[in-house]
């Protein structure tokens, strides 16, 4: 999917794309936010049977990334309800912020969720990003909680055909 600002968002289908996703996540989460690498990367990253990675890029390289965990990932991953996927690891490179990259990544993940027959997407938002997700139609629920020492809230948005 190419968006008006001249970047492309695609589902990652090769090792180079996955490495680009990991590089953005390293820069944003590990370097900027101080998340320990052992918490940032997990076994789902390499399991393409339960994880779909998306990458935003332009002619200069990677701009942002995110992933969708499918319900097959199992309980405890925010995907223990049939038909509900989990959006996570959404990261936009500092130089690319303000261009609509994050919103385009979220919409691409929602499209992917629909393609997999899912009816909703959950996520764990850093509390400073609640407004961003609310503008995209997500609703917070439940109490706040820490993840990697950063305050978060659970959010959900229906994405089935009726939600379009």
C-alpha atoms as a PDB file:
ATOM      1  CA  UNK A   1       0.000   0.000   0.000  1.00  0.00           C
ATOM      2  CA  UNK A   2       1.469   3.376  -1.028  1.00  0.00           C
ATOM      3  CA  UNK A   3       0.234   6.393   0.894  1.00  0.00           C
ATOM      4  CA  UNK A   4       0.082  10.056  -0.185  1.00  0.00           C
ATOM      5  CA  UNK A   5       3.266  11.077   1.634  1.00  0.00           C
ATOM      6  CA  UNK A   6       5.361   8.862  -0.646  1.00  0.00           C
ATOM      7  CA  UNK A   7       6.047   5.921   1.621  1.00  0.00           C
ATOM      8  CA  UNK A   8       4.911   2.337   1.300  1.00  0.00           C
ATOM      9  CA  UNK A   9       3.538  -0.048   3.914  1.00  0.00           C
ATOM     10  CA  UNK A  10       3.864  -3.757   3.252  1.00  0.00           C
ATOM     11  CA  UNK A  11       3.673  -7.091   4.982  1.00  0.00           C
ATOM     12  CA  UNK A  12       7.194  -8.370   5.536  1.00  0.00           C
ATOM     13  CA  UNK A  13       7.945 -11.526   3.583  1.00  0.00           C
ATOM     14  CA  UNK A  14      11.735 -11.808   3.788  1.00  0.00           C
ATOM     15  CA  UNK A  15      14.677 -11.649   6.188  1.00  0.00           C
ATOM     16  CA  UNK A  16      15.787  -8.196   4.991  1.00  0.00           C
ATOM     17  CA  UNK A  17      12.359  -6.778   5.801  1.00  0.00           C
ATOM     18  CA  UNK A  18      12.350  -8.413   9.215  1.00  0.00           C
ATOM     19  CA  UNK A  19      15.824  -7.025   9.934  1.00  0.00           C
ATOM     20  CA  UNK A  20      14.562  -3.539   8.982  1.00  0.00           C
ATOM     21  CA  UNK A  21      11.646  -3.965  11.418  1.00  0.00           C
ATOM     22  CA  UNK A  22      14.026  -5.000  14.185  1.00  0.00           C
ATOM     23  CA  UNK A  23      16.310  -2.030  13.491  1.00  0.00           C
ATOM     24  CA  UNK A  24      13.436   0.446  13.891  1.00  0.00           C
ATOM     25  CA  UNK A  25      12.308  -1.265  17.087  1.00  0.00           C
ATOM     26  CA  UNK A  26      15.855  -1.216  18.451  1.00  0.00           C
ATOM     27  CA  UNK A  27      16.182   2.515  17.754  1.00  0.00           C
ATOM     28  CA  UNK A  28      12.790   3.414  19.242  1.00  0.00           C
ATOM     29  CA  UNK A  29      12.283   0.996  22.114  1.00  0.00           C
ATOM     30  CA  UNK A  30      15.783  -0.040  23.185  1.00  0.00           C
ATOM     31  CA  UNK A  31      17.768   3.143  22.451  1.00  0.00           C
ATOM     32  CA  UNK A  32      15.164   5.910  22.928  1.00  0.00           C
ATOM     33  CA  UNK A  33      12.978   4.353  25.621  1.00  0.00           C
ATOM     34  CA  UNK A  34      15.509   2.160  27.405  1.00  0.00           C
ATOM     35  CA  UNK A  35      13.589  -1.110  27.064  1.00  0.00           C
ATOM     36  CA  UNK A  36      15.974  -4.037  27.680  1.00  0.00           C
ATOM     37  CA  UNK A  37      16.554  -5.992  24.436  1.00  0.00           C
ATOM     38  CA  UNK A  38      15.545  -9.247  26.134  1.00  0.00           C
ATOM     39  CA  UNK A  39      12.078  -7.744  26.734  1.00  0.00           C
ATOM     40  CA  UNK A  40      11.754  -6.176  23.294  1.00  0.00           C
ATOM     41  CA  UNK A  41      12.381  -9.282  21.206  1.00  0.00           C
ATOM     42  CA  UNK A  42      10.509 -12.514  21.837  1.00  0.00           C
ATOM     43  CA  UNK A  43       9.843 -15.929  20.339  1.00  0.00           C
ATOM     44  CA  UNK A  44       6.878 -14.586  18.347  1.00  0.00           C
ATOM     45  CA  UNK A  45       9.175 -12.397  16.246  1.00  0.00           C
ATOM     46  CA  UNK A  46      10.474 -15.364  14.271  1.00  0.00           C
ATOM     47  CA  UNK A  47       7.258 -17.405  14.163  1.00  0.00           C
ATOM     48  CA  UNK A  48       5.469 -16.504  10.947  1.00  0.00           C
ATOM     49  CA  UNK A  49       2.649 -18.931  11.757  1.00  0.00           C
ATOM     50  CA  UNK A  50       1.332 -16.581  14.460  1.00  0.00           C
ATOM     51  CA  UNK A  51       2.980 -13.230  13.691  1.00  0.00           C
ATOM     52  CA  UNK A  52       2.644 -10.826  10.772  1.00  0.00           C
ATOM     53  CA  UNK A  53       5.137  -7.950  10.609  1.00  0.00           C
ATOM     54  CA  UNK A  54       4.460  -4.779   8.631  1.00  0.00           C
ATOM     55  CA  UNK A  55       7.059  -2.270   7.498  1.00  0.00           C
ATOM     56  CA  UNK A  56       6.737   1.323   6.321  1.00  0.00           C
ATOM     57  CA  UNK A  57       9.561   2.515   4.091  1.00  0.00           C
ATOM     58  CA  UNK A  58      10.477   5.029   1.439  1.00  0.00           C
ATOM     59  CA  UNK A  59      13.405   5.455  -0.931  1.00  0.00           C
ATOM     60  CA  UNK A  60      15.658   6.288   2.035  1.00  0.00           C
ATOM     61  CA  UNK A  61      14.830   3.158   4.050  1.00  0.00           C
ATOM     62  CA  UNK A  62      12.708   1.942   6.941  1.00  0.00           C
ATOM     63  CA  UNK A  63      10.361   4.426   8.620  1.00  0.00           C
ATOM     64  CA  UNK A  64       8.310   2.316  10.985  1.00  0.00           C
ATOM     65  CA  UNK A  65       7.039  -1.108  11.896  1.00  0.00           C
ATOM     66  CA  UNK A  66       4.402  -3.012  13.800  1.00  0.00           C
ATOM     67  CA  UNK A  67       3.206  -6.554  14.191  1.00  0.00           C
ATOM     68  CA  UNK A  68      -0.008  -8.512  14.507  1.00  0.00           C
ATOM     69  CA  UNK A  69      -0.172 -11.585  16.721  1.00  0.00           C
ATOM     70  CA  UNK A  70      -2.852 -13.962  15.533  1.00  0.00           C
ATOM     71  CA  UNK A  71      -5.099 -15.848  17.981  1.00  0.00           C
ATOM     72  CA  UNK A  72      -3.005 -18.986  17.414  1.00  0.00           C
ATOM     73  CA  UNK A  73      -0.237 -17.307  19.444  1.00  0.00           C
ATOM     74  CA  UNK A  74      -2.107 -18.465  22.528  1.00  0.00           C
ATOM     75  CA  UNK A  75      -3.238 -17.219  25.931  1.00  0.00           C
ATOM     76  CA  UNK A  76      -1.409 -14.444  27.705  1.00  0.00           C
ATOM     77  CA  UNK A  77      -0.486 -12.596  24.523  1.00  0.00           C
ATOM     78  CA  UNK A  78      -3.601 -10.423  24.345  1.00  0.00           C
ATOM     79  CA  UNK A  79      -4.974 -12.896  21.820  1.00  0.00           C
ATOM     80  CA  UNK A  80      -6.772 -15.415  23.999  1.00  0.00           C
ATOM     81  CA  UNK A  81     -10.192 -14.603  22.510  1.00  0.00           C
ATOM     82  CA  UNK A  82     -11.237 -16.189  19.232  1.00  0.00           C
ATOM     83  CA  UNK A  83     -11.315 -13.622  16.459  1.00  0.00           C
ATOM     84  CA  UNK A  84      -9.123 -11.075  18.284  1.00  0.00           C
ATOM     85  CA  UNK A  85      -5.584 -10.252  17.216  1.00  0.00           C
ATOM     86  CA  UNK A  86      -3.003  -8.221  19.092  1.00  0.00           C
ATOM     87  CA  UNK A  87      -1.303  -5.187  17.558  1.00  0.00           C
ATOM     88  CA  UNK A  88       2.102  -4.620  19.070  1.00  0.00           C
ATOM     89  CA  UNK A  89       5.621  -3.336  18.686  1.00  0.00           C
ATOM     90  CA  UNK A  90       4.382  -0.277  16.755  1.00  0.00           C
ATOM     91  CA  UNK A  91       7.380   1.995  16.302  1.00  0.00           C
ATOM     92  CA  UNK A  92       8.098   4.974  14.052  1.00  0.00           C
ATOM     93  CA  UNK A  93      11.627   6.284  13.533  1.00  0.00           C
ATOM     94  CA  UNK A  94      12.154   9.712  15.077  1.00  0.00           C
ATOM     95  CA  UNK A  95      12.867  11.356  11.696  1.00  0.00           C
ATOM     96  CA  UNK A  96       9.619   9.956  10.232  1.00  0.00           C
ATOM     97  CA  UNK A  97       7.210  11.101  12.944  1.00  0.00           C
ATOM     98  CA  UNK A  98       4.446  13.468  11.906  1.00  0.00           C
ATOM     99  CA  UNK A  99       4.120  11.991   8.398  1.00  0.00           C
ATOM    100  CA  UNK A 100       1.224   9.641   9.108  1.00  0.00           C
ATOM    101  CA  UNK A 101       3.441   6.567   9.275  1.00  0.00           C
ATOM    102  CA  UNK A 102       1.994   5.301  12.551  1.00  0.00           C
ATOM    103  CA  UNK A 103      -1.611   5.601  11.373  1.00  0.00           C
ATOM    104  CA  UNK A 104      -0.769   3.878   8.073  1.00  0.00           C
ATOM    105  CA  UNK A 105       0.881   1.015   9.958  1.00  0.00           C
ATOM    106  CA  UNK A 106      -2.156   0.600  12.229  1.00  0.00           C
ATOM    107  CA  UNK A 107      -4.516   0.543   9.236  1.00  0.00           C
ATOM    108  CA  UNK A 108      -2.314  -2.020   7.462  1.00  0.00           C
ATOM    109  CA  UNK A 109      -2.367  -4.222  10.566  1.00  0.00           C
ATOM    110  CA  UNK A 110      -6.160  -3.893  10.748  1.00  0.00           C
ATOM    111  CA  UNK A 111      -6.424  -4.841   7.059  1.00  0.00           C
ATOM    112  CA  UNK A 112      -4.245  -7.876   7.754  1.00  0.00           C
ATOM    113  CA  UNK A 113      -6.434  -8.810  10.718  1.00  0.00           C
ATOM    114  CA  UNK A 114      -9.528  -8.690   8.468  1.00  0.00           C
ATOM    115  CA  UNK A 115      -7.745 -10.845   5.868  1.00  0.00           C
ATOM    116  CA  UNK A 116      -7.218 -13.431   8.623  1.00  0.00           C
ATOM    117  CA  UNK A 117     -10.918 -13.314   9.499  1.00  0.00           C
ATOM    118  CA  UNK A 118     -10.462 -11.456  12.781  1.00  0.00           C
ATOM    119  CA  UNK A 119     -13.183  -9.200  14.141  1.00  0.00           C
ATOM    120  CA  UNK A 120     -11.194  -7.035  16.572  1.00  0.00           C
ATOM    121  CA  UNK A 121      -7.675  -5.886  17.393  1.00  0.00           C
ATOM    122  CA  UNK A 122      -6.396  -5.375  20.926  1.00  0.00           C
ATOM    123  CA  UNK A 123      -3.251  -3.512  21.868  1.00  0.00           C
ATOM    124  CA  UNK A 124      -1.324  -2.389  24.907  1.00  0.00           C
ATOM    125  CA  UNK A 125      -0.705   1.328  24.424  1.00  0.00           C
ATOM    126  CA  UNK A 126       1.901   3.351  26.218  1.00  0.00           C
ATOM    127  CA  UNK A 127      -0.230   5.889  28.074  1.00  0.00           C
ATOM    128  CA  UNK A 128       1.364   8.844  26.277  1.00  0.00           C
ATOM    129  CA  UNK A 129       0.031   7.339  23.003  1.00  0.00           C
ATOM    130  CA  UNK A 130      -3.599   6.869  24.118  1.00  0.00           C
ATOM    131  CA  UNK A 131      -4.788   9.913  22.143  1.00  0.00           C
ATOM    132  CA  UNK A 132      -3.155   8.605  18.961  1.00  0.00           C
ATOM    133  CA  UNK A 133      -4.997   5.307  19.211  1.00  0.00           C
ATOM    134  CA  UNK A 134      -8.271   6.955  20.273  1.00  0.00           C
ATOM    135  CA  UNK A 135      -8.183   9.052  17.072  1.00  0.00           C
ATOM    136  CA  UNK A 136      -7.943   5.749  15.169  1.00  0.00           C
ATOM    137  CA  UNK A 137     -11.041   4.378  16.904  1.00  0.00           C
ATOM    138  CA  UNK A 138      -9.523   2.385  19.760  1.00  0.00           C
ATOM    139  CA  UNK A 139     -11.168   2.427  23.187  1.00  0.00           C
ATOM    140  CA  UNK A 140      -9.227   1.927  26.425  1.00  0.00           C
ATOM    141  CA  UNK A 141     -10.466  -0.618  28.955  1.00  0.00           C
ATOM    142  CA  UNK A 142      -9.317  -1.945  32.300  1.00  0.00           C
ATOM    143  CA  UNK A 143      -6.768  -0.460  34.672  1.00  0.00           C
ATOM    144  CA  UNK A 144      -3.342   0.792  33.671  1.00  0.00           C
ATOM    145  CA  UNK A 145      -0.340  -1.490  34.088  1.00  0.00           C
ATOM    146  CA  UNK A 146       3.433  -1.319  33.649  1.00  0.00           C
ATOM    147  CA  UNK A 147       5.172  -3.084  30.776  1.00  0.00           C
ATOM    148  CA  UNK A 148       8.969  -2.863  30.654  1.00  0.00           C
ATOM    149  CA  UNK A 149       8.627  -0.146  33.319  1.00  0.00           C
ATOM    150  CA  UNK A 150       6.425   2.019  31.050  1.00  0.00           C
ATOM    151  CA  UNK A 151       2.748   2.749  31.935  1.00  0.00           C
ATOM    152  CA  UNK A 152       0.283   1.108  29.517  1.00  0.00           C
ATOM    153  CA  UNK A 153      -3.477   0.660  28.983  1.00  0.00           C
ATOM    154  CA  UNK A 154      -5.295  -2.053  27.059  1.00  0.00           C
ATOM    155  CA  UNK A 155      -7.317  -0.850  24.061  1.00  0.00           C
ATOM    156  CA  UNK A 156      -9.545  -2.499  21.468  1.00  0.00           C
ATOM    157  CA  UNK A 157     -11.155  -1.698  18.133  1.00  0.00           C
ATOM    158  CA  UNK A 158     -13.558  -3.798  16.058  1.00  0.00           C
ATOM    159  CA  UNK A 159     -12.118  -4.410  12.580  1.00  0.00           C
ATOM    160  CA  UNK A 160     -14.590  -6.788  10.972  1.00  0.00           C
ATOM    161  CA  UNK A 161     -16.375  -5.795   7.794  1.00  0.00           C
ATOM    162  CA  UNK A 162     -19.054  -3.968   9.782  1.00  0.00           C
ATOM    163  CA  UNK A 163     -16.370  -1.786  11.417  1.00  0.00           C
ATOM    164  CA  UNK A 164     -15.122  -0.277   8.164  1.00  0.00           C
END
